[in-house]
Amino acid sequence: FSDMVDALQKRHDFFHENGCRLSDHGIEEFYDEPYTDSQIETIFEKAMRKQQLSAQEIRQFKHCILHVFAEQDYASDWTQQYHYGAIRDNNSLMYDKLGADTGFDSIGEFTTATAMSHFLNELNKEGKLTRTILYCLNPCANEVIATMLGNFQDGSCPGKIQFGSGWWFNDQLDGMTRQMNALSVLGLLSRFVGMLTDSRSFLSYPRHEYFRRLLCNLLGNDVEKGLLPNDMESLSRMVEDISYNNARNYFKFY
């Protein structure tokens, strides 16, 4: 297992040397099962021998791997991103015909708030919690993440722990608006790093324009309701920051 960790570190260093500054982890949920180095070595050896692993052993190993990645991200001053909450390949008949990730995925339902808290707290206690963006696929967890952010802000940079924009099934009017409303009510919208595009398709880039229109619509509606002051200079600056400046400064793209 130690050889695998060394290989992961070399791979990480290669990407860092070639300009990469973020990691992105797609996980079903967060993991906080305690483990020891000897347990992980045993689990790894069992897996290499194709022996059956228990559910507990699988969760221990996933926890360990995420922790290793998080330590590497911190050491390289990267931002780590976690997209969680999907259950994939639900239709086994179509999986057998077409393979993995061919459109038969859905929103998952996991009780992960405590594990997320433990995972972030573990890194924070070690002084190894880097800038972090949390994305939930299930909108029922919006308020969970919006309140989790404040637990680990430390003043090292504005909005060190971020609530990521609506993604996948939430990448639409209602999903984006609900995410921004939860952040605005329970966090600090002005520090938001805004929309991202992780797709390889050029057709995905117009989502940034869509996002900006929804953001302006949200703020405009609040002004009309008297919930925000009609201060165009202040509001324009907030929109510009969320659309560009916050991300530029947060990711150190300068």
C-alpha atoms as a PDB file:
ATOM      1  CA  PHE A   1       0.000   0.000   0.000  1.00  0.00           C
ATOM      2  CA  SER A   2       2.844   2.409   0.774  1.00  0.00           C
ATOM      3  CA  ASP A   3       4.136   1.886  -2.771  1.00  0.00           C
ATOM      4  CA  MET A   4       0.710   2.875  -4.113  1.00  0.00           C
ATOM      5  CA  VAL A   5       0.704   6.040  -1.979  1.00  0.00           C
ATOM      6  CA  ASP A   6       4.152   6.929  -3.335  1.00  0.00           C
ATOM      7  CA  ALA A   7       2.861   6.424  -6.882  1.00  0.00           C
ATOM      8  CA  LEU A   8      -0.132   8.660  -6.164  1.00  0.00           C
ATOM      9  CA  GLN A   9       2.208  11.328  -4.822  1.00  0.00           C
ATOM     10  CA  LYS A  10       4.355  11.204  -7.949  1.00  0.00           C
ATOM     11  CA  ARG A  11       1.230  11.510 -10.100  1.00  0.00           C
ATOM     12  CA  HIS A  12       0.075  14.448  -7.997  1.00  0.00           C
ATOM     13  CA  ASP A  13       3.487  16.125  -8.338  1.00  0.00           C
ATOM     14  CA  PHE A  14       3.412  15.665 -12.119  1.00  0.00           C
ATOM     15  CA  PHE A  15       0.062  17.427 -12.441  1.00  0.00           C
ATOM     16  CA  HIS A  16       1.175  20.164 -10.065  1.00  0.00           C
ATOM     17  CA  GLU A  17       4.309  20.824 -12.096  1.00  0.00           C
ATOM     18  CA  ASN A  18       2.139  21.082 -15.217  1.00  0.00           C
ATOM     19  CA  GLY A  19      -0.169  23.741 -13.805  1.00  0.00           C
ATOM     20  CA  CYS A  20      -2.958  21.825 -12.040  1.00  0.00           C
ATOM     21  CA  ARG A  21      -4.283  23.604  -8.942  1.00  0.00           C
ATOM     22  CA  LEU A  22      -7.475  21.695  -8.020  1.00  0.00           C
ATOM     23  CA  SER A  23      -8.540  18.148  -7.280  1.00  0.00           C
ATOM     24  CA  ASP A  24     -12.071  16.809  -7.719  1.00  0.00           C
ATOM     25  CA  HIS A  25     -13.429  13.741  -5.954  1.00  0.00           C
ATOM     26  CA  GLY A  26     -16.694  12.072  -6.953  1.00  0.00           C
ATOM     27  CA  ILE A  27     -17.924  10.094  -3.941  1.00  0.00           C
ATOM     28  CA  GLU A  28     -21.230   8.615  -2.825  1.00  0.00           C
ATOM     29  CA  GLU A  29     -20.786   9.965   0.695  1.00  0.00           C
ATOM     30  CA  PHE A  30     -18.141  10.960   3.223  1.00  0.00           C
ATOM     31  CA  TYR A  31     -16.344   8.391   5.374  1.00  0.00           C
ATOM     32  CA  ASP A  32     -15.030   8.619   8.928  1.00  0.00           C
ATOM     33  CA  GLU A  33     -14.442   5.010   9.966  1.00  0.00           C
ATOM     34  CA  PRO A  34     -11.300   4.833  12.170  1.00  0.00           C
ATOM     35  CA  TYR A  35      -8.388   2.838  10.786  1.00  0.00           C
ATOM     36  CA  THR A  36      -4.757   2.029  11.498  1.00  0.00           C
ATOM     37  CA  ASP A  37      -1.916   1.708   9.019  1.00  0.00           C
ATOM     38  CA  SER A  38      -1.722  -2.024   9.660  1.00  0.00           C
ATOM     39  CA  GLN A  39      -5.443  -2.420   8.971  1.00  0.00           C
ATOM     40  CA  ILE A  40      -5.108  -0.586   5.666  1.00  0.00           C
ATOM     41  CA  GLU A  41      -2.154  -2.775   4.688  1.00  0.00           C
ATOM     42  CA  THR A  42      -4.223  -5.877   5.455  1.00  0.00           C
ATOM     43  CA  ILE A  43      -7.230  -4.579   3.523  1.00  0.00           C
ATOM     44  CA  PHE A  44      -5.049  -3.728   0.543  1.00  0.00           C
ATOM     45  CA  GLU A  45      -3.392  -7.146   0.545  1.00  0.00           C
ATOM     46  CA  LYS A  46      -6.795  -8.880   0.742  1.00  0.00           C
ATOM     47  CA  ALA A  47      -8.063  -6.833  -2.201  1.00  0.00           C
ATOM     48  CA  MET A  48      -4.956  -7.642  -4.246  1.00  0.00           C
ATOM     49  CA  ARG A  49      -5.587 -11.341  -3.555  1.00  0.00           C
ATOM     50  CA  LYS A  50      -9.219 -10.786  -4.660  1.00  0.00           C
ATOM     51  CA  GLN A  51     -10.558 -11.783  -1.274  1.00  0.00           C
ATOM     52  CA  GLN A  52     -13.971 -10.551  -0.141  1.00  0.00           C
ATOM     53  CA  LEU A  53     -13.873  -7.322   1.856  1.00  0.00           C
ATOM     54  CA  SER A  54     -16.437  -6.386   4.471  1.00  0.00           C
ATOM     55  CA  ALA A  55     -18.471  -3.182   4.180  1.00  0.00           C
ATOM     56  CA  GLN A  56     -16.504  -1.807   7.138  1.00  0.00           C
ATOM     57  CA  GLU A  57     -13.162  -2.550   5.472  1.00  0.00           C
ATOM     58  CA  ILE A  58     -14.280  -0.874   2.252  1.00  0.00           C
ATOM     59  CA  ARG A  59     -15.314   2.266   4.132  1.00  0.00           C
ATOM     60  CA  GLN A  60     -12.050   2.296   6.083  1.00  0.00           C
ATOM     61  CA  PHE A  61     -10.050   2.106   2.872  1.00  0.00           C
ATOM     62  CA  LYS A  62     -12.091   4.856   1.194  1.00  0.00           C
ATOM     63  CA  HIS A  63     -11.580   7.051   4.253  1.00  0.00           C
ATOM     64  CA  CYS A  64      -7.836   6.437   4.162  1.00  0.00           C
ATOM     65  CA  ILE A  65      -7.524   7.213   0.442  1.00  0.00           C
ATOM     66  CA  LEU A  66      -9.517  10.450   0.757  1.00  0.00           C
ATOM     67  CA  HIS A  67      -7.339  11.467   3.695  1.00  0.00           C
ATOM     68  CA  VAL A  68      -4.153  10.795   1.718  1.00  0.00           C
ATOM     69  CA  PHE A  69      -5.442  12.874  -1.197  1.00  0.00           C
ATOM     70  CA  ALA A  70      -6.426  15.679   1.186  1.00  0.00           C
ATOM     71  CA  GLU A  71      -2.945  15.744   2.716  1.00  0.00           C
ATOM     72  CA  GLN A  72      -1.393  15.919  -0.758  1.00  0.00           C
ATOM     73  CA  ASP A  73      -3.737  18.755  -1.737  1.00  0.00           C
ATOM     74  CA  TYR A  74      -2.795  20.697   1.382  1.00  0.00           C
ATOM     75  CA  ALA A  75       0.934  20.168   0.821  1.00  0.00           C
ATOM     76  CA  SER A  76       0.623  21.499  -2.749  1.00  0.00           C
ATOM     77  CA  ASP A  77      -1.714  24.378  -1.796  1.00  0.00           C
ATOM     78  CA  TRP A  78      -4.455  22.989  -4.031  1.00  0.00           C
ATOM     79  CA  THR A  79      -8.185  23.430  -3.656  1.00  0.00           C
ATOM     80  CA  GLN A  80     -10.011  20.148  -3.046  1.00  0.00           C
ATOM     81  CA  GLN A  81     -13.529  19.607  -4.371  1.00  0.00           C
ATOM     82  CA  TYR A  82     -16.014  16.948  -3.295  1.00  0.00           C
ATOM     83  CA  HIS A  83     -19.033  16.079  -5.452  1.00  0.00           C
ATOM     84  CA  TYR A  84     -21.136  13.672  -3.433  1.00  0.00           C
ATOM     85  CA  GLY A  85     -24.559  12.100  -3.442  1.00  0.00           C
ATOM     86  CA  ALA A  86     -24.942  10.208  -6.737  1.00  0.00           C
ATOM     87  CA  ILE A  87     -25.886   6.549  -7.096  1.00  0.00           C
ATOM     88  CA  ARG A  88     -24.711   5.224 -10.445  1.00  0.00           C
ATOM     89  CA  ASP A  89     -25.591   2.452 -12.874  1.00  0.00           C
ATOM     90  CA  ASN A  90     -28.984   1.665 -11.338  1.00  0.00           C
ATOM     91  CA  ASN A  91     -30.250  -0.287 -14.349  1.00  0.00           C
ATOM     92  CA  SER A  92     -28.212  -3.482 -14.413  1.00  0.00           C
ATOM     93  CA  LEU A  93     -29.688  -4.643 -17.734  1.00  0.00           C
ATOM     94  CA  MET A  94     -28.538  -1.465 -19.463  1.00  0.00           C
ATOM     95  CA  TYR A  95     -25.225  -1.623 -17.618  1.00  0.00           C
ATOM     96  CA  ASP A  96     -24.610  -5.060 -19.110  1.00  0.00           C
ATOM     97  CA  LYS A  97     -25.502  -3.739 -22.581  1.00  0.00           C
ATOM     98  CA  LEU A  98     -23.794  -0.328 -22.548  1.00  0.00           C
ATOM     99  CA  GLY A  99     -21.363  -0.241 -19.627  1.00  0.00           C
ATOM    100  CA  ALA A 100     -20.829   2.237 -16.807  1.00  0.00           C
ATOM    101  CA  ASP A 101     -22.068   5.825 -16.645  1.00  0.00           C
ATOM    102  CA  THR A 102     -24.376   5.676 -19.672  1.00  0.00           C
ATOM    103  CA  GLY A 103     -27.289   7.638 -18.257  1.00  0.00           C
ATOM    104  CA  PHE A 104     -28.818   5.416 -15.591  1.00  0.00           C
ATOM    105  CA  ASP A 105     -27.731   7.388 -12.546  1.00  0.00           C
ATOM    106  CA  SER A 106     -29.841   9.242  -9.981  1.00  0.00           C
ATOM    107  CA  ILE A 107     -29.783  11.327  -6.837  1.00  0.00           C
ATOM    108  CA  GLY A 108     -28.803   9.307  -3.786  1.00  0.00           C
ATOM    109  CA  GLU A 109     -29.973   9.671  -0.219  1.00  0.00           C
ATOM    110  CA  PHE A 110     -27.253   9.338   2.409  1.00  0.00           C
ATOM    111  CA  THR A 111     -26.950  10.367   6.043  1.00  0.00           C
ATOM    112  CA  THR A 112     -23.523  11.911   5.685  1.00  0.00           C
ATOM    113  CA  ALA A 113     -23.467  15.154   7.696  1.00  0.00           C
ATOM    114  CA  THR A 114     -21.709  13.622  10.719  1.00  0.00           C
ATOM    115  CA  ALA A 115     -19.110  11.817   8.612  1.00  0.00           C
ATOM    116  CA  MET A 116     -18.454  15.006   6.614  1.00  0.00           C
ATOM    117  CA  SER A 117     -17.953  16.923   9.840  1.00  0.00           C
ATOM    118  CA  HIS A 118     -15.574  14.293  11.242  1.00  0.00           C
ATOM    119  CA  PHE A 119     -13.573  14.120   8.005  1.00  0.00           C
ATOM    120  CA  LEU A 120     -13.075  17.887   7.789  1.00  0.00           C
ATOM    121  CA  ASN A 121     -12.429  18.179  11.522  1.00  0.00           C
ATOM    122  CA  GLU A 122      -9.769  15.472  11.364  1.00  0.00           C
ATOM    123  CA  LEU A 123      -7.861  17.414   8.705  1.00  0.00           C
ATOM    124  CA  ASN A 124      -8.406  20.691  10.531  1.00  0.00           C
ATOM    125  CA  LYS A 125      -6.961  19.309  13.795  1.00  0.00           C
ATOM    126  CA  GLU A 126      -3.868  18.180  11.904  1.00  0.00           C
ATOM    127  CA  GLY A 127      -3.514  21.639  10.332  1.00  0.00           C
ATOM    128  CA  LYS A 128      -3.959  20.077   6.878  1.00  0.00           C
ATOM    129  CA  LEU A 129      -7.364  21.343   5.753  1.00  0.00           C
ATOM    130  CA  THR A 130      -6.850  23.149   2.465  1.00  0.00           C
ATOM    131  CA  ARG A 131      -9.385  25.278   0.583  1.00  0.00           C
ATOM    132  CA  THR A 132     -12.439  23.067   0.113  1.00  0.00           C
ATOM    133  CA  ILE A 133     -15.576  23.169  -2.053  1.00  0.00           C
ATOM    134  CA  LEU A 134     -18.527  20.918  -1.169  1.00  0.00           C
ATOM    135  CA  TYR A 135     -21.138  19.999  -3.797  1.00  0.00           C
ATOM    136  CA  CYS A 136     -24.257  18.009  -2.906  1.00  0.00           C
ATOM    137  CA  LEU A 137     -26.383  16.297  -5.530  1.00  0.00           C
ATOM    138  CA  ASN A 138     -29.396  15.954  -3.256  1.00  0.00           C
ATOM    139  CA  PRO A 139     -30.921  19.428  -2.695  1.00  0.00           C
ATOM    140  CA  CYS A 140     -32.228  18.317   0.701  1.00  0.00           C
ATOM    141  CA  ALA A 141     -28.604  18.680   1.890  1.00  0.00           C
ATOM    142  CA  ASN A 142     -28.302  22.337   0.824  1.00  0.00           C
ATOM    143  CA  GLU A 143     -28.786  23.641   4.351  1.00  0.00           C
ATOM    144  CA  VAL A 144     -26.452  20.984   5.767  1.00  0.00           C
ATOM    145  CA  ILE A 145     -23.569  22.244   3.663  1.00  0.00           C
ATOM    146  CA  ALA A 146     -24.490  25.918   4.048  1.00  0.00           C
ATOM    147  CA  THR A 147     -24.140  25.552   7.819  1.00  0.00           C
ATOM    148  CA  MET A 148     -21.114  23.220   7.653  1.00  0.00           C
ATOM    149  CA  LEU A 149     -19.027  25.943   5.994  1.00  0.00           C
ATOM    150  CA  GLY A 150     -18.856  28.148   9.066  1.00  0.00           C
ATOM    151  CA  ASN A 151     -17.399  25.388  11.227  1.00  0.00           C
ATOM    152  CA  PHE A 152     -14.043  25.470   9.457  1.00  0.00           C
ATOM    153  CA  GLN A 153     -13.484  29.020   8.216  1.00  0.00           C
ATOM    154  CA  ASP A 154     -10.195  30.199   9.712  1.00  0.00           C
ATOM    155  CA  GLY A 155      -9.509  33.626   8.180  1.00  0.00           C
ATOM    156  CA  SER A 156      -6.638  32.354   6.011  1.00  0.00           C
ATOM    157  CA  CYS A 157      -8.610  33.376   2.916  1.00  0.00           C
ATOM    158  CA  PRO A 158     -12.137  34.687   2.313  1.00  0.00           C
ATOM    159  CA  GLY A 159     -14.600  31.801   2.139  1.00  0.00           C
ATOM    160  CA  LYS A 160     -12.013  29.065   2.610  1.00  0.00           C
ATOM    161  CA  ILE A 161     -14.753  26.413   2.781  1.00  0.00           C
ATOM    162  CA  GLN A 162     -17.213  26.890  -0.091  1.00  0.00           C
ATOM    163  CA  PHE A 163     -20.670  25.607  -1.003  1.00  0.00           C
ATOM    164  CA  GLY A 164     -20.379  24.602  -4.655  1.00  0.00           C
ATOM    165  CA  SER A 165     -22.991  25.617  -7.195  1.00  0.00           C
ATOM    166  CA  GLY A 166     -25.840  23.293  -8.189  1.00  0.00           C
ATOM    167  CA  TRP A 167     -24.523  20.436 -10.334  1.00  0.00           C
ATOM    168  CA  TRP A 168     -25.841  17.575 -12.485  1.00  0.00           C
ATOM    169  CA  PHE A 169     -29.554  17.217 -11.664  1.00  0.00           C
ATOM    170  CA  ASN A 170     -29.428  20.596  -9.877  1.00  0.00           C
ATOM    171  CA  ASP A 171     -27.785  22.364 -12.806  1.00  0.00           C
ATOM    172  CA  GLN A 172     -31.005  24.186 -13.735  1.00  0.00           C
ATOM    173  CA  LEU A 173     -33.099  27.177 -12.674  1.00  0.00           C
ATOM    174  CA  ASP A 174     -34.639  25.721  -9.535  1.00  0.00           C
ATOM    175  CA  GLY A 175     -31.525  23.843  -8.408  1.00  0.00           C
ATOM    176  CA  MET A 176     -29.148  26.795  -8.832  1.00  0.00           C
ATOM    177  CA  THR A 177     -31.581  29.205  -7.212  1.00  0.00           C
ATOM    178  CA  ARG A 178     -32.178  26.928  -4.207  1.00  0.00           C
ATOM    179  CA  GLN A 179     -28.425  26.526  -3.690  1.00  0.00           C
ATOM    180  CA  MET A 180     -27.804  30.286  -3.777  1.00  0.00           C
ATOM    181  CA  ASN A 181     -30.763  30.989  -1.489  1.00  0.00           C
ATOM    182  CA  ALA A 182     -29.511  28.477   1.088  1.00  0.00           C
ATOM    183  CA  LEU A 183     -26.040  30.021   0.966  1.00  0.00           C
ATOM    184  CA  SER A 184     -27.445  33.547   1.179  1.00  0.00           C
ATOM    185  CA  VAL A 185     -29.662  32.732   4.173  1.00  0.00           C
ATOM    186  CA  LEU A 186     -27.150  30.654   6.157  1.00  0.00           C
ATOM    187  CA  GLY A 187     -23.755  31.743   4.820  1.00  0.00           C
ATOM    188  CA  LEU A 188     -22.226  34.637   2.921  1.00  0.00           C
ATOM    189  CA  LEU A 189     -23.255  34.869  -0.723  1.00  0.00           C
ATOM    190  CA  SER A 190     -20.799  37.684  -1.449  1.00  0.00           C
ATOM    191  CA  ARG A 191     -17.839  35.285  -0.981  1.00  0.00           C
ATOM    192  CA  PHE A 192     -19.269  32.640  -3.321  1.00  0.00           C
ATOM    193  CA  VAL A 193     -16.884  31.490  -6.094  1.00  0.00           C
ATOM    194  CA  GLY A 194     -19.800  30.944  -8.462  1.00  0.00           C
ATOM    195  CA  MET A 195     -20.346  28.522 -11.307  1.00  0.00           C
ATOM    196  CA  LEU A 196     -17.885  25.963 -12.620  1.00  0.00           C
ATOM    197  CA  THR A 197     -17.571  23.894 -15.769  1.00  0.00           C
ATOM    198  CA  ASP A 198     -15.962  20.475 -15.422  1.00  0.00           C
ATOM    199  CA  SER A 199     -17.268  19.096 -18.694  1.00  0.00           C
ATOM    200  CA  ARG A 200     -15.169  18.443 -21.761  1.00  0.00           C
ATOM    201  CA  SER A 201     -17.998  19.706 -23.983  1.00  0.00           C
ATOM    202  CA  PHE A 202     -17.899  23.273 -25.316  1.00  0.00           C
ATOM    203  CA  LEU A 203     -21.702  23.222 -25.206  1.00  0.00           C
ATOM    204  CA  SER A 204     -21.485  23.233 -21.399  1.00  0.00           C
ATOM    205  CA  TYR A 205     -19.869  26.667 -21.180  1.00  0.00           C
ATOM    206  CA  PRO A 206     -23.113  28.678 -21.682  1.00  0.00           C
ATOM    207  CA  ARG A 207     -24.081  27.510 -18.187  1.00  0.00           C
ATOM    208  CA  HIS A 208     -21.952  30.416 -16.905  1.00  0.00           C
ATOM    209  CA  GLU A 209     -24.174  32.903 -18.728  1.00  0.00           C
ATOM    210  CA  TYR A 210     -27.234  31.058 -17.414  1.00  0.00           C
ATOM    211  CA  PHE A 211     -25.823  31.209 -13.887  1.00  0.00           C
ATOM    212  CA  ARG A 212     -25.128  34.939 -14.095  1.00  0.00           C
ATOM    213  CA  ARG A 213     -28.676  35.632 -15.263  1.00  0.00           C
ATOM    214  CA  LEU A 214     -30.108  33.615 -12.366  1.00  0.00           C
ATOM    215  CA  LEU A 215     -27.829  35.386  -9.892  1.00  0.00           C
ATOM    216  CA  CYS A 216     -28.895  38.820 -11.150  1.00  0.00           C
ATOM    217  CA  ASN A 217     -32.541  37.743 -11.149  1.00  0.00           C
ATOM    218  CA  LEU A 218     -32.259  36.556  -7.545  1.00  0.00           C
ATOM    219  CA  LEU A 219     -30.723  39.827  -6.382  1.00  0.00           C
ATOM    220  CA  GLY A 220     -33.123  41.925  -8.472  1.00  0.00           C
ATOM    221  CA  ASN A 221     -36.150  40.181  -6.989  1.00  0.00           C
ATOM    222  CA  ASP A 222     -34.821  40.796  -3.468  1.00  0.00           C
ATOM    223  CA  VAL A 223     -34.383  44.485  -4.260  1.00  0.00           C
ATOM    224  CA  GLU A 224     -37.957  44.715  -5.558  1.00  0.00           C
ATOM    225  CA  LYS A 225     -39.207  43.058  -2.355  1.00  0.00           C
ATOM    226  CA  GLY A 226     -37.224  45.510  -0.223  1.00  0.00           C
ATOM    227  CA  LEU A 227     -34.945  42.774   1.116  1.00  0.00           C
ATOM    228  CA  LEU A 228     -31.809  44.378  -0.344  1.00  0.00           C
ATOM    229  CA  PRO A 229     -30.969  48.071  -0.768  1.00  0.00           C
ATOM    230  CA  ASN A 230     -31.335  49.458  -4.297  1.00  0.00           C
ATOM    231  CA  ASP A 231     -27.618  50.234  -4.502  1.00  0.00           C
ATOM    232  CA  MET A 232     -26.546  49.414  -8.052  1.00  0.00           C
ATOM    233  CA  GLU A 233     -22.861  50.065  -7.376  1.00  0.00           C
ATOM    234  CA  SER A 234     -22.760  47.619  -4.457  1.00  0.00           C
ATOM    235  CA  LEU A 235     -24.896  45.010  -6.212  1.00  0.00           C
ATOM    236  CA  SER A 236     -22.883  45.249  -9.437  1.00  0.00           C
ATOM    237  CA  ARG A 237     -19.683  44.746  -7.484  1.00  0.00           C
ATOM    238  CA  MET A 238     -21.119  41.637  -5.795  1.00  0.00           C
ATOM    239  CA  VAL A 239     -22.199  40.144  -9.122  1.00  0.00           C
ATOM    240  CA  GLU A 240     -18.786  40.854 -10.638  1.00  0.00           C
ATOM    241  CA  ASP A 241     -17.046  39.264  -7.650  1.00  0.00           C
ATOM    242  CA  ILE A 242     -19.205  36.117  -7.704  1.00  0.00           C
ATOM    243  CA  SER A 243     -18.890  35.836 -11.493  1.00  0.00           C
ATOM    244  CA  TYR A 244     -15.122  36.336 -11.678  1.00  0.00           C
ATOM    245  CA  ASN A 245     -13.065  38.022  -8.949  1.00  0.00           C
ATOM    246  CA  ASN A 246     -13.801  35.621  -6.095  1.00  0.00           C
ATOM    247  CA  ALA A 247     -12.811  32.561  -8.150  1.00  0.00           C
ATOM    248  CA  ARG A 248      -9.706  34.277  -9.515  1.00  0.00           C
ATOM    249  CA  ASN A 249      -8.487  35.130  -6.034  1.00  0.00           C
ATOM    250  CA  TYR A 250      -9.629  31.898  -4.383  1.00  0.00           C
ATOM    251  CA  PHE A 251      -7.871  29.633  -6.881  1.00  0.00           C
ATOM    252  CA  LYS A 252      -4.888  31.987  -7.136  1.00  0.00           C
ATOM    253  CA  PHE A 253      -5.236  32.341 -10.911  1.00  0.00           C
ATOM    254  CA  TYR A 254      -2.908  35.320 -11.138  1.00  0.00           C
END
